[in-house]
C-alpha cells in the first residue's frame, strides 16, 4: 500500500514543486519588471525636469533681455527729456533777460516790446 501511495504521490509532489518553481519565477519576473518600470519612470521624470528647467532658463533670459531693453529705452527717453528741459530753462532765462532789458516807461499793462516776447 505504501508503494501504491508513493507511486500516486510522486506526480503530485512533482506538480507541487513545478507549481512552486513557477510561482517563484513569476515573482522574480514581476520584481524585475517592476524595477524596469521604476527605472524608466525615474529617467522620464529626470528628462522632464531637465526640459522644464531649460524652458524656465530660456524664459528668464528673454525676460532679462526685455528688462535691459526697457531700461535702455527709459534712459534714452530721460536723456531726451532732460535736454528739452534744459533748452526750455535756457529759453526762459533769455526771455527774462530780454524782458529786463526793455525800458519800463511807467506804462500800466503790457507794451509792444513785451507783447512781442510773449508771442514766442
PDB file of N, CA and C in Angstrom:
ATOM      1  N   UNK A   1       0.802  -1.164   0.000  1.00  0.00           N
ATOM      2  CA  UNK A   1       0.000   0.000   0.000  1.00  0.00           C
ATOM      3  C   UNK A   1       0.865   1.255   0.000  1.00  0.00           C
ATOM      4  N   UNK A   2       1.971   1.228   0.711  1.00  0.00           N
ATOM      5  CA  UNK A   2       2.875   2.367   0.715  1.00  0.00           C
ATOM      6  C   UNK A   2       3.502   2.566  -0.643  1.00  0.00           C
ATOM      7  N   UNK A   3       3.723   1.482  -1.346  1.00  0.00           N
ATOM      8  CA  UNK A   3       4.292   1.617  -2.673  1.00  0.00           C
ATOM      9  C   UNK A   3       3.277   2.272  -3.600  1.00  0.00           C
ATOM     10  N   UNK A   4       2.024   1.907  -3.452  1.00  0.00           N
ATOM     11  CA  UNK A   4       0.969   2.489  -4.260  1.00  0.00           C
ATOM     12  C   UNK A   4       0.793   3.952  -3.901  1.00  0.00           C
ATOM     13  N   UNK A   5       0.855   4.245  -2.637  1.00  0.00           N
ATOM     14  CA  UNK A   5       0.712   5.618  -2.161  1.00  0.00           C
ATOM     15  C   UNK A   5       1.887   6.457  -2.637  1.00  0.00           C
ATOM     16  N   UNK A   6       3.077   5.859  -2.606  1.00  0.00           N
ATOM     17  CA  UNK A   6       4.239   6.606  -3.032  1.00  0.00           C
ATOM     18  C   UNK A   6       4.216   6.798  -4.542  1.00  0.00           C
ATOM     19  N   UNK A   7       3.665   5.788  -5.329  1.00  0.00           N
ATOM     20  CA  UNK A   7       3.567   5.967  -6.773  1.00  0.00           C
ATOM     21  C   UNK A   7       2.553   7.055  -7.105  1.00  0.00           C
ATOM     22  N   UNK A   8       1.493   7.161  -6.376  1.00  0.00           N
ATOM     23  CA  UNK A   8       0.467   8.163  -6.626  1.00  0.00           C
ATOM     24  C   UNK A   8       0.927   9.541  -6.148  1.00  0.00           C
ATOM     25  N   UNK A   9       1.771   9.575  -5.126  1.00  0.00           N
ATOM     26  CA  UNK A   9       2.206  10.839  -4.548  1.00  0.00           C
ATOM     27  C   UNK A   9       3.299  11.509  -5.376  1.00  0.00           C
ATOM     28  N   UNK A  10       4.067  10.749  -6.118  1.00  0.00           N
ATOM     29  CA  UNK A  10       5.179  11.308  -6.881  1.00  0.00           C
ATOM     30  C   UNK A  10       4.681  12.349  -7.891  1.00  0.00           C
ATOM     31  N   UNK A  11       3.655  12.088  -8.686  1.00  0.00           N
ATOM     32  CA  UNK A  11       3.203  13.133  -9.621  1.00  0.00           C
ATOM     33  C   UNK A  11       2.675  14.365  -8.893  1.00  0.00           C
ATOM     34  N   UNK A  12       2.021  14.143  -7.764  1.00  0.00           N
ATOM     35  CA  UNK A  12       1.501  15.298  -7.014  1.00  0.00           C
ATOM     36  C   UNK A  12       2.653  16.120  -6.454  1.00  0.00           C
ATOM     37  N   UNK A  13       3.659  15.463  -5.966  1.00  0.00           N
ATOM     38  CA  UNK A  13       4.821  16.168  -5.415  1.00  0.00           C
ATOM     39  C   UNK A  13       5.545  16.918  -6.543  1.00  0.00           C
ATOM     40  N   UNK A  14       5.693  16.260  -7.683  1.00  0.00           N
ATOM     41  CA  UNK A  14       6.354  16.911  -8.823  1.00  0.00           C
ATOM     42  C   UNK A  14       5.529  18.109  -9.286  1.00  0.00           C
ATOM     43  N   UNK A  15       4.210  17.954  -9.368  1.00  0.00           N
ATOM     44  CA  UNK A  15       3.338  19.067  -9.777  1.00  0.00           C
ATOM     45  C   UNK A  15       3.440  20.203  -8.774  1.00  0.00           C
ATOM     46  N   UNK A  16       3.497  19.868  -7.481  1.00  0.00           N
ATOM     47  CA  UNK A  16       3.638  20.897  -6.449  1.00  0.00           C
ATOM     48  C   UNK A  16       4.960  21.634  -6.563  1.00  0.00           C
ATOM     49  N   UNK A  17       6.029  20.877  -6.813  1.00  0.00           N
ATOM     50  CA  UNK A  17       7.336  21.508  -6.983  1.00  0.00           C
ATOM     51  C   UNK A  17       7.375  22.403  -8.232  1.00  0.00           C
ATOM     52  N   UNK A  18       6.760  21.910  -9.320  1.00  0.00           N
ATOM     53  CA  UNK A  18       6.695  22.727 -10.539  1.00  0.00           C
ATOM     54  C   UNK A  18       5.867  23.994 -10.308  1.00  0.00           C
ATOM     55  N   UNK A  19       4.759  23.837  -9.582  1.00  0.00           N
ATOM     56  CA  UNK A  19       3.911  24.999  -9.267  1.00  0.00           C
ATOM     57  C   UNK A  19       4.689  25.999  -8.413  1.00  0.00           C
ATOM     58  N   UNK A  20       5.422  25.527  -7.418  1.00  0.00           N
ATOM     59  CA  UNK A  20       6.204  26.409  -6.552  1.00  0.00           C
ATOM     60  C   UNK A  20       7.311  27.099  -7.352  1.00  0.00           C
ATOM     61  N   UNK A  21       7.972  26.338  -8.244  1.00  0.00           N
ATOM     62  CA  UNK A  21       9.017  26.926  -9.074  1.00  0.00           C
ATOM     63  C   UNK A  21       8.432  27.978 -10.010  1.00  0.00           C
ATOM     64  N   UNK A  22       7.255  27.692 -10.583  1.00  0.00           N
ATOM     65  CA  UNK A  22       6.584  28.655 -11.468  1.00  0.00           C
ATOM     66  C   UNK A  22       6.198  29.917 -10.708  1.00  0.00           C
ATOM     67  N   UNK A  23       5.688  29.734  -9.484  1.00  0.00           N
ATOM     68  CA  UNK A  23       5.322  30.893  -8.673  1.00  0.00           C
ATOM     69  C   UNK A  23       6.568  31.718  -8.335  1.00  0.00           C
ATOM     70  N   UNK A  24       7.652  31.057  -8.029  1.00  0.00           N
ATOM     71  CA  UNK A  24       8.904  31.760  -7.720  1.00  0.00           C
ATOM     72  C   UNK A  24       9.422  32.520  -8.924  1.00  0.00           C
ATOM     73  N   UNK A  25       9.401  31.897 -10.090  1.00  0.00           N
ATOM     74  CA  UNK A  25       9.846  32.568 -11.313  1.00  0.00           C
ATOM     75  C   UNK A  25       8.934  33.751 -11.662  1.00  0.00           C
ATOM     76  N   UNK A  26       7.646  33.595 -11.437  1.00  0.00           N
ATOM     77  CA  UNK A  26       6.696  34.679 -11.697  1.00  0.00           C
ATOM     78  C   UNK A  26       6.983  35.863 -10.782  1.00  0.00           C
ATOM     79  N   UNK A  27       7.212  35.581  -9.503  1.00  0.00           N
ATOM     80  CA  UNK A  27       7.523  36.653  -8.555  1.00  0.00           C
ATOM     81  C   UNK A  27       8.828  37.340  -8.938  1.00  0.00           C
ATOM     82  N   UNK A  28       9.844  36.558  -9.344  1.00  0.00           N
ATOM     83  CA  UNK A  28      11.126  37.118  -9.756  1.00  0.00           C
ATOM     84  C   UNK A  28      10.948  38.008 -10.987  1.00  0.00           C
ATOM     85  N   UNK A  29      10.188  37.509 -11.978  1.00  0.00           N
ATOM     86  CA  UNK A  29       9.953  38.288 -13.203  1.00  0.00           C
ATOM     87  C   UNK A  29       9.174  39.557 -12.885  1.00  0.00           C
ATOM     88  N   UNK A  30       8.197  39.464 -11.984  1.00  0.00           N
ATOM     89  CA  UNK A  30       7.411  40.643 -11.609  1.00  0.00           C
ATOM     90  C   UNK A  30       8.295  41.683 -10.935  1.00  0.00           C
ATOM     91  N   UNK A  31       9.220  41.247 -10.089  1.00  0.00           N
ATOM     92  CA  UNK A  31      10.103  42.207  -9.425  1.00  0.00           C
ATOM     93  C   UNK A  31      11.043  42.859 -10.440  1.00  0.00           C
ATOM     94  N   UNK A  32      11.514  42.085 -11.422  1.00  0.00           N
ATOM     95  CA  UNK A  32      12.385  42.653 -12.458  1.00  0.00           C
ATOM     96  C   UNK A  32      11.619  43.668 -13.307  1.00  0.00           C
ATOM     97  N   UNK A  33      10.396  43.330 -13.700  1.00  0.00           N
ATOM     98  CA  UNK A  33       9.575  44.248 -14.497  1.00  0.00           C
ATOM     99  C   UNK A  33       9.270  45.503 -13.690  1.00  0.00           C
ATOM    100  N   UNK A  34       8.969  45.320 -12.405  1.00  0.00           N
ATOM    101  CA  UNK A  34       8.703  46.469 -11.549  1.00  0.00           C
ATOM    102  C   UNK A  34       9.933  47.364 -11.456  1.00  0.00           C
ATOM    103  N   UNK A  35      11.105  46.777 -11.341  1.00  0.00           N
ATOM    104  CA  UNK A  35      12.341  47.554 -11.313  1.00  0.00           C
ATOM    105  C   UNK A  35      12.570  48.299 -12.614  1.00  0.00           C
ATOM    106  N   UNK A  36      12.274  47.646 -13.731  1.00  0.00           N
ATOM    107  CA  UNK A  36      12.432  48.297 -15.033  1.00  0.00           C
ATOM    108  C   UNK A  36      11.464  49.469 -15.164  1.00  0.00           C
ATOM    109  N   UNK A  37      10.244  49.295 -14.660  1.00  0.00           N
ATOM    110  CA  UNK A  37       9.251  50.376 -14.730  1.00  0.00           C
ATOM    111  C   UNK A  37       9.703  51.550 -13.858  1.00  0.00           C
ATOM    112  N   UNK A  38      10.216  51.259 -12.669  1.00  0.00           N
ATOM    113  CA  UNK A  38      10.693  52.322 -11.788  1.00  0.00           C
ATOM    114  C   UNK A  38      11.866  53.066 -12.416  1.00  0.00           C
ATOM    115  N   UNK A  39      12.769  52.345 -13.063  1.00  0.00           N
ATOM    116  CA  UNK A  39      13.914  52.971 -13.729  1.00  0.00           C
ATOM    117  C   UNK A  39      13.443  53.868 -14.874  1.00  0.00           C
ATOM    118  N   UNK A  40      12.527  53.355 -15.681  1.00  0.00           N
ATOM    119  CA  UNK A  40      12.004  54.149 -16.806  1.00  0.00           C
ATOM    120  C   UNK A  40      11.273  55.388 -16.295  1.00  0.00           C
ATOM    121  N   UNK A  41      10.525  55.221 -15.218  1.00  0.00           N
ATOM    122  CA  UNK A  41       9.799  56.358 -14.646  1.00  0.00           C
ATOM    123  C   UNK A  41      10.771  57.415 -14.136  1.00  0.00           C
ATOM    124  N   UNK A  42      11.819  56.981 -13.447  1.00  0.00           N
ATOM    125  CA  UNK A  42      12.817  57.932 -12.928  1.00  0.00           C
ATOM    126  C   UNK A  42      13.526  58.653 -14.069  1.00  0.00           C
ATOM    127  N   UNK A  43      13.869  57.930 -15.131  1.00  0.00           N
ATOM    128  CA  UNK A  43      14.522  58.560 -16.281  1.00  0.00           C
ATOM    129  C   UNK A  43      13.600  59.556 -16.959  1.00  0.00           C
ATOM    130  N   UNK A  44      12.324  59.193 -17.106  1.00  0.00           N
ATOM    131  CA  UNK A  44      11.360  60.111 -17.730  1.00  0.00           C
ATOM    132  C   UNK A  44      11.177  61.355 -16.864  1.00  0.00           C
ATOM    133  N   UNK A  45      11.119  61.182 -15.565  1.00  0.00           N
ATOM    134  CA  UNK A  45      10.961  62.312 -14.653  1.00  0.00           C
ATOM    135  C   UNK A  45      12.184  63.233 -14.741  1.00  0.00           C
ATOM    136  N   UNK A  46      13.373  62.642 -14.783  1.00  0.00           N
ATOM    137  CA  UNK A  46      14.593  63.435 -14.885  1.00  0.00           C
ATOM    138  C   UNK A  46      14.632  64.206 -16.204  1.00  0.00           C
ATOM    139  N   UNK A  47      14.270  63.550 -17.284  1.00  0.00           N
ATOM    140  CA  UNK A  47      14.252  64.212 -18.597  1.00  0.00           C
ATOM    141  C   UNK A  47      13.236  65.344 -18.617  1.00  0.00           C
ATOM    142  N   UNK A  48      12.061  65.115 -18.042  1.00  0.00           N
ATOM    143  CA  UNK A  48      11.030  66.155 -17.977  1.00  0.00           C
ATOM    144  C   UNK A  48      11.540  67.344 -17.173  1.00  0.00           C
ATOM    145  N   UNK A  49      12.187  67.081 -16.034  1.00  0.00           N
ATOM    146  CA  UNK A  49      12.707  68.163 -15.205  1.00  0.00           C
ATOM    147  C   UNK A  49      13.790  68.950 -15.939  1.00  0.00           C
ATOM    148  N   UNK A  50      14.646  68.263 -16.691  1.00  0.00           N
ATOM    149  CA  UNK A  50      15.666  68.958 -17.480  1.00  0.00           C
ATOM    150  C   UNK A  50      15.019  69.852 -18.540  1.00  0.00           C
ATOM    151  N   UNK A  51      14.000  69.319 -19.205  1.00  0.00           N
ATOM    152  CA  UNK A  51      13.316  70.091 -20.245  1.00  0.00           C
ATOM    153  C   UNK A  51      12.720  71.362 -19.655  1.00  0.00           C
ATOM    154  N   UNK A  52      11.984  71.236 -18.547  1.00  0.00           N
ATOM    155  CA  UNK A  52      11.320  72.409 -17.981  1.00  0.00           C
ATOM    156  C   UNK A  52      12.319  73.371 -17.355  1.00  0.00           C
ATOM    157  N   UNK A  53      13.413  72.854 -16.818  1.00  0.00           N
ATOM    158  CA  UNK A  53      14.451  73.750 -16.298  1.00  0.00           C
ATOM    159  C   UNK A  53      15.040  74.574 -17.442  1.00  0.00           C
ATOM    160  N   UNK A  54      15.253  73.934 -18.595  1.00  0.00           N
ATOM    161  CA  UNK A  54      15.765  74.661 -19.765  1.00  0.00           C
ATOM    162  C   UNK A  54      14.746  75.684 -20.252  1.00  0.00           C
ATOM    163  N   UNK A  55      13.471  75.321 -20.257  1.00  0.00           N
ATOM    164  CA  UNK A  55      12.433  76.265 -20.674  1.00  0.00           C
ATOM    165  C   UNK A  55      12.387  77.472 -19.741  1.00  0.00           C
ATOM    166  N   UNK A  56      12.475  77.227 -18.440  1.00  0.00           N
ATOM    167  CA  UNK A  56      12.450  78.316 -17.469  1.00  0.00           C
ATOM    168  C   UNK A  56      13.679  79.203 -17.643  1.00  0.00           C
ATOM    169  N   UNK A  57      14.821  78.599 -17.871  1.00  0.00           N
ATOM    170  CA  UNK A  57      16.045  79.367 -18.085  1.00  0.00           C
ATOM    171  C   UNK A  57      15.942  80.224 -19.343  1.00  0.00           C
ATOM    172  N   UNK A  58      15.367  79.644 -20.401  1.00  0.00           N
ATOM    173  CA  UNK A  58      15.183  80.398 -21.644  1.00  0.00           C
ATOM    174  C   UNK A  58      14.218  81.567 -21.423  1.00  0.00           C
ATOM    175  N   UNK A  59      13.139  81.329 -20.698  1.00  0.00           N
ATOM    176  CA  UNK A  59      12.173  82.403 -20.421  1.00  0.00           C
ATOM    177  C   UNK A  59      12.794  83.484 -19.546  1.00  0.00           C
ATOM    178  N   UNK A  60      13.595  83.096 -18.568  1.00  0.00           N
ATOM    179  CA  UNK A  60      14.261  84.080 -17.707  1.00  0.00           C
ATOM    180  C   UNK A  60      15.243  84.923 -18.497  1.00  0.00           C
ATOM    181  N   UNK A  61      15.969  84.303 -19.413  1.00  0.00           N
ATOM    182  CA  UNK A  61      16.917  85.052 -20.246  1.00  0.00           C
ATOM    183  C   UNK A  61      16.174  86.041 -21.143  1.00  0.00           C
ATOM    184  N   UNK A  62      15.047  85.615 -21.695  1.00  0.00           N
ATOM    185  CA  UNK A  62      14.240  86.502 -22.542  1.00  0.00           C
ATOM    186  C   UNK A  62      13.722  87.679 -21.713  1.00  0.00           C
ATOM    187  N   UNK A  63      13.227  87.395 -20.508  1.00  0.00           N
ATOM    188  CA  UNK A  63      12.725  88.463 -19.640  1.00  0.00           C
ATOM    189  C   UNK A  63      13.844  89.425 -19.252  1.00  0.00           C
ATOM    190  N   UNK A  64      15.028  88.900 -18.988  1.00  0.00           N
ATOM    191  CA  UNK A  64      16.165  89.763 -18.638  1.00  0.00           C
ATOM    192  C   UNK A  64      16.540  90.666 -19.810  1.00  0.00           C
ATOM    193  N   UNK A  65      16.499  90.115 -21.034  1.00  0.00           N
ATOM    194  CA  UNK A  65      16.794  90.941 -22.218  1.00  0.00           C
ATOM    195  C   UNK A  65      15.756  92.049 -22.368  1.00  0.00           C
ATOM    196  N   UNK A  66      14.490  91.701 -22.167  1.00  0.00           N
ATOM    197  CA  UNK A  66      13.434  92.719 -22.287  1.00  0.00           C
ATOM    198  C   UNK A  66      13.585  93.800 -21.223  1.00  0.00           C
ATOM    199  N   UNK A  67      13.934  93.406 -20.000  1.00  0.00           N
ATOM    200  CA  UNK A  67      14.136  94.384 -18.928  1.00  0.00           C
ATOM    201  C   UNK A  67      15.297  95.306 -19.274  1.00  0.00           C
ATOM    202  N   UNK A  68      16.381  94.737 -19.794  1.00  0.00           N
ATOM    203  CA  UNK A  68      17.543  95.553 -20.178  1.00  0.00           C
ATOM    204  C   UNK A  68      17.171  96.508 -21.313  1.00  0.00           C
ATOM    205  N   UNK A  69      16.409  96.016 -22.284  1.00  0.00           N
ATOM    206  CA  UNK A  69      15.970  96.877 -23.392  1.00  0.00           C
ATOM    207  C   UNK A  69      15.104  98.020 -22.875  1.00  0.00           C
ATOM    208  N   UNK A  70      14.198  97.707 -21.948  1.00  0.00           N
ATOM    209  CA  UNK A  70      13.329  98.749 -21.392  1.00  0.00           C
ATOM    210  C   UNK A  70      14.136  99.756 -20.585  1.00  0.00           C
ATOM    211  N   UNK A  71      15.150  99.293 -19.876  1.00  0.00           N
ATOM    212  CA  UNK A  71      15.991 100.211 -19.107  1.00  0.00           C
ATOM    213  C   UNK A  71      16.758 101.146 -20.041  1.00  0.00           C
ATOM    214  N   UNK A  72      17.287 100.597 -21.149  1.00  0.00           N
ATOM    215  CA  UNK A  72      17.991 101.443 -22.123  1.00  0.00           C
ATOM    216  C   UNK A  72      17.035 102.466 -22.738  1.00  0.00           C
ATOM    217  N   UNK A  73      15.825 102.025 -23.065  1.00  0.00           N
ATOM    218  CA  UNK A  73      14.848 102.944 -23.655  1.00  0.00           C
ATOM    219  C   UNK A  73      14.452 104.023 -22.649  1.00  0.00           C
ATOM    220  N   UNK A  74      14.273 103.658 -21.395  1.00  0.00           N
ATOM    221  CA  UNK A  74      13.930 104.643 -20.363  1.00  0.00           C
ATOM    222  C   UNK A  74      15.055 105.660 -20.198  1.00  0.00           C
ATOM    223  N   UNK A  75      16.292 105.197 -20.243  1.00  0.00           N
ATOM    224  CA  UNK A  75      17.433 106.105 -20.137  1.00  0.00           C
ATOM    225  C   UNK A  75      17.481 107.055 -21.327  1.00  0.00           C
ATOM    226  N   UNK A  76      17.201 106.532 -22.525  1.00  0.00           N
ATOM    227  CA  UNK A  76      17.189 107.379 -23.718  1.00  0.00           C
ATOM    228  C   UNK A  76      16.099 108.443 -23.620  1.00  0.00           C
ATOM    229  N   UNK A  77      14.910 108.034 -23.181  1.00  0.00           N
ATOM    230  CA  UNK A  77      13.798 108.983 -23.052  1.00  0.00           C
ATOM    231  C   UNK A  77      14.116 110.022 -21.978  1.00  0.00           C
ATOM    232  N   UNK A  78      14.699 109.579 -20.867  1.00  0.00           N
ATOM    233  CA  UNK A  78      15.047 110.510 -19.793  1.00  0.00           C
ATOM    234  C   UNK A  78      16.091 111.519 -20.263  1.00  0.00           C
ATOM    235  N   UNK A  79      17.076 111.066 -21.024  1.00  0.00           N
ATOM    236  CA  UNK A  79      18.103 111.967 -21.549  1.00  0.00           C
ATOM    237  C   UNK A  79      17.479 112.999 -22.483  1.00  0.00           C
ATOM    238  N   UNK A  80      16.590 112.550 -23.355  1.00  0.00           N
ATOM    239  CA  UNK A  80      15.925 113.481 -24.278  1.00  0.00           C
ATOM    240  C   UNK A  80      15.070 114.483 -23.506  1.00  0.00           C
ATOM    241  N   UNK A  81      14.371 114.018 -22.477  1.00  0.00           N
ATOM    242  CA  UNK A  81      13.533 114.920 -21.682  1.00  0.00           C
ATOM    243  C   UNK A  81      14.394 115.939 -20.940  1.00  0.00           C
ATOM    244  N   UNK A  82      15.523 115.492 -20.403  1.00  0.00           N
ATOM    245  CA  UNK A  82      16.415 116.427 -19.707  1.00  0.00           C
ATOM    246  C   UNK A  82      16.964 117.484 -20.657  1.00  0.00           C
ATOM    247  N   UNK A  83      17.278 117.076 -21.889  1.00  0.00           N
ATOM    248  CA  UNK A  83      17.760 118.047 -22.878  1.00  0.00           C
ATOM    249  C   UNK A  83      16.679 119.083 -23.199  1.00  0.00           C
ATOM    250  N   UNK A  84      15.440 118.615 -23.339  1.00  0.00           N
ATOM    251  CA  UNK A  84      14.341 119.555 -23.625  1.00  0.00           C
ATOM    252  C   UNK A  84      14.099 120.490 -22.437  1.00  0.00           C
ATOM    253  N   UNK A  85      14.228 119.950 -21.218  1.00  0.00           N
ATOM    254  CA  UNK A  85      14.041 120.787 -20.027  1.00  0.00           C
ATOM    255  C   UNK A  85      15.134 121.845 -19.957  1.00  0.00           C
ATOM    256  N   UNK A  86      16.389 121.449 -20.208  1.00  0.00           N
ATOM    257  CA  UNK A  86      17.492 122.414 -20.199  1.00  0.00           C
ATOM    258  C   UNK A  86      17.287 123.485 -21.266  1.00  0.00           C
ATOM    259  N   UNK A  87      16.828 123.090 -22.441  1.00  0.00           N
ATOM    260  CA  UNK A  87      16.588 124.065 -23.513  1.00  0.00           C
ATOM    261  C   UNK A  87      15.469 125.026 -23.107  1.00  0.00           C
ATOM    262  N   UNK A  88      14.413 124.520 -22.495  1.00  0.00           N
ATOM    263  CA  UNK A  88      13.315 125.388 -22.074  1.00  0.00           C
ATOM    264  C   UNK A  88      13.768 126.334 -20.962  1.00  0.00           C
ATOM    265  N   UNK A  89      14.596 125.836 -20.043  1.00  0.00           N
ATOM    266  CA  UNK A  89      15.113 126.699 -18.974  1.00  0.00           C
ATOM    267  C   UNK A  89      16.010 127.784 -19.552  1.00  0.00           C
ATOM    268  N   UNK A  90      16.840 127.414 -20.521  1.00  0.00           N
ATOM    269  CA  UNK A  90      17.719 128.399 -21.163  1.00  0.00           C
ATOM    270  C   UNK A  90      16.890 129.451 -21.898  1.00  0.00           C
ATOM    271  N   UNK A  91      15.849 129.008 -22.579  1.00  0.00           N
ATOM    272  CA  UNK A  91      14.989 129.957 -23.291  1.00  0.00           C
ATOM    273  C   UNK A  91      14.299 130.896 -22.302  1.00  0.00           C
ATOM    274  N   UNK A  92      13.887 130.363 -21.158  1.00  0.00           N
ATOM    275  CA  UNK A  92      13.250 131.195 -20.140  1.00  0.00           C
ATOM    276  C   UNK A  92      14.225 132.242 -19.610  1.00  0.00           C
ATOM    277  N   UNK A  93      15.469 131.841 -19.387  1.00  0.00           N
ATOM    278  CA  UNK A  93      16.488 132.783 -18.902  1.00  0.00           C
ATOM    279  C   UNK A  93      16.702 133.881 -19.933  1.00  0.00           C
ATOM    280  N   UNK A  94      16.771 133.519 -21.215  1.00  0.00           N
ATOM    281  CA  UNK A  94      16.953 134.523 -22.273  1.00  0.00           C
ATOM    282  C   UNK A  94      15.772 135.482 -22.338  1.00  0.00           C
ATOM    283  N   UNK A  95      14.536 134.931 -22.219  1.00  0.00           N
ATOM    284  CA  UNK A  95      13.358 135.801 -22.245  1.00  0.00           C
ATOM    285  C   UNK A  95      13.349 136.741 -21.041  1.00  0.00           C
ATOM    286  N   UNK A  96      13.769 136.252 -19.876  1.00  0.00           N
ATOM    287  CA  UNK A  96      13.819 137.117 -18.700  1.00  0.00           C
ATOM    288  C   UNK A  96      14.839 138.229 -18.889  1.00  0.00           C
ATOM    289  N   UNK A  97      15.987 137.886 -19.516  1.00  0.00           N
ATOM    290  CA  UNK A  97      16.996 138.917 -19.789  1.00  0.00           C
ATOM    291  C   UNK A  97      16.448 139.956 -20.757  1.00  0.00           C
ATOM    292  N   UNK A  98      15.785 139.500 -21.825  1.00  0.00           N
ATOM    293  CA  UNK A  98      15.214 140.434 -22.799  1.00  0.00           C
ATOM    294  C   UNK A  98      14.126 141.290 -22.160  1.00  0.00           C
ATOM    295  N   UNK A  99      13.336 140.703 -21.290  1.00  0.00           N
ATOM    296  CA  UNK A  99      12.281 141.446 -20.621  1.00  0.00           C
ATOM    297  C   UNK A  99      12.887 142.500 -19.697  1.00  0.00           C
ATOM    298  N   UNK A 100      13.955 142.120 -18.990  1.00  0.00           N
ATOM    299  CA  UNK A 100      14.589 143.072 -18.090  1.00  0.00           C
ATOM    300  C   UNK A 100      15.265 144.204 -18.863  1.00  0.00           C
ATOM    301  N   UNK A 101      15.701 143.918 -20.079  1.00  0.00           N
ATOM    302  CA  UNK A 101      16.374 144.941 -20.889  1.00  0.00           C
ATOM    303  C   UNK A 101      15.400 145.948 -21.492  1.00  0.00           C
ATOM    304  N   UNK A 102      14.111 145.610 -21.538  1.00  0.00           N
ATOM    305  CA  UNK A 102      13.133 146.544 -22.108  1.00  0.00           C
ATOM    306  C   UNK A 102      12.947 147.732 -21.156  1.00  0.00           C
ATOM    307  N   UNK A 103      12.719 148.917 -21.742  1.00  0.00           N
ATOM    308  CA  UNK A 103      12.513 150.087 -20.873  1.00  0.00           C
ATOM    309  C   UNK A 103      11.187 149.977 -20.117  1.00  0.00           C
ATOM    310  N   UNK A 104      11.181 150.531 -18.928  1.00  0.00           N
ATOM    311  CA  UNK A 104       9.975 150.471 -18.101  1.00  0.00           C
ATOM    312  C   UNK A 104       9.324 151.840 -18.133  1.00  0.00           C
ATOM    313  N   UNK A 105       8.719 152.187 -19.159  1.00  0.00           N
ATOM    314  CA  UNK A 105       8.185 153.524 -19.374  1.00  0.00           C
ATOM    315  C   UNK A 105       7.080 153.923 -18.424  1.00  0.00           C
ATOM    316  N   UNK A 106       6.868 153.266 -17.346  1.00  0.00           N
ATOM    317  CA  UNK A 106       5.839 153.625 -16.392  1.00  0.00           C
ATOM    318  C   UNK A 106       4.454 153.320 -16.910  1.00  0.00           C
ATOM    319  N   UNK A 107       4.369 152.533 -17.957  1.00  0.00           N
ATOM    320  CA  UNK A 107       3.074 152.223 -18.541  1.00  0.00           C
ATOM    321  C   UNK A 107       2.365 151.179 -17.694  1.00  0.00           C
ATOM    322  N   UNK A 108       1.087 151.282 -17.717  1.00  0.00           N
ATOM    323  CA  UNK A 108       0.271 150.301 -16.998  1.00  0.00           C
ATOM    324  C   UNK A 108      -0.113 149.212 -18.000  1.00  0.00           C
ATOM    325  N   UNK A 109       0.282 147.961 -17.732  1.00  0.00           N
ATOM    326  CA  UNK A 109      -0.034 146.868 -18.645  1.00  0.00           C
ATOM    327  C   UNK A 109       1.162 146.495 -19.500  1.00  0.00           C
ATOM    328  N   UNK A 110       0.889 145.833 -20.604  1.00  0.00           N
ATOM    329  CA  UNK A 110       1.953 145.346 -21.481  1.00  0.00           C
ATOM    330  C   UNK A 110       2.160 146.317 -22.634  1.00  0.00           C
ATOM    331  N   UNK A 111       3.406 146.647 -22.892  1.00  0.00           N
ATOM    332  CA  UNK A 111       3.697 147.468 -24.047  1.00  0.00           C
ATOM    333  C   UNK A 111       4.042 146.579 -25.236  1.00  0.00           C
ATOM    334  N   UNK A 112       4.323 147.185 -26.364  1.00  0.00           N
ATOM    335  CA  UNK A 112       4.563 146.459 -27.609  1.00  0.00           C
ATOM    336  C   UNK A 112       5.753 145.503 -27.509  1.00  0.00           C
ATOM    337  N   UNK A 113       6.847 145.880 -26.892  1.00  0.00           N
ATOM    338  CA  UNK A 113       8.044 145.049 -26.784  1.00  0.00           C
ATOM    339  C   UNK A 113       7.801 143.791 -25.953  1.00  0.00           C
ATOM    340  N   UNK A 114       7.055 143.947 -24.860  1.00  0.00           N
ATOM    341  CA  UNK A 114       6.774 142.789 -24.012  1.00  0.00           C
ATOM    342  C   UNK A 114       5.782 141.830 -24.672  1.00  0.00           C
ATOM    343  N   UNK A 115       4.853 142.372 -25.428  1.00  0.00           N
ATOM    344  CA  UNK A 115       3.905 141.516 -26.147  1.00  0.00           C
ATOM    345  C   UNK A 115       4.644 140.685 -27.185  1.00  0.00           C
ATOM    346  N   UNK A 116       5.636 141.271 -27.834  1.00  0.00           N
ATOM    347  CA  UNK A 116       6.420 140.503 -28.783  1.00  0.00           C
ATOM    348  C   UNK A 116       7.158 139.353 -28.104  1.00  0.00           C
ATOM    349  N   UNK A 117       7.614 139.534 -26.866  1.00  0.00           N
ATOM    350  CA  UNK A 117       8.267 138.452 -26.133  1.00  0.00           C
ATOM    351  C   UNK A 117       7.278 137.315 -25.833  1.00  0.00           C
ATOM    352  N   UNK A 118       6.037 137.654 -25.575  1.00  0.00           N
ATOM    353  CA  UNK A 118       5.040 136.628 -25.271  1.00  0.00           C
ATOM    354  C   UNK A 118       4.657 135.787 -26.486  1.00  0.00           C
ATOM    355  N   UNK A 119       4.783 136.380 -27.658  1.00  0.00           N
ATOM    356  CA  UNK A 119       4.368 135.685 -28.867  1.00  0.00           C
ATOM    357  C   UNK A 119       5.233 134.463 -29.163  1.00  0.00           C
ATOM    358  N   UNK A 120       6.358 134.373 -28.565  1.00  0.00           N
ATOM    359  CA  UNK A 120       7.238 133.223 -28.796  1.00  0.00           C
ATOM    360  C   UNK A 120       6.610 132.055 -28.198  1.00  0.00           C
TER     361      UNK A 120
END
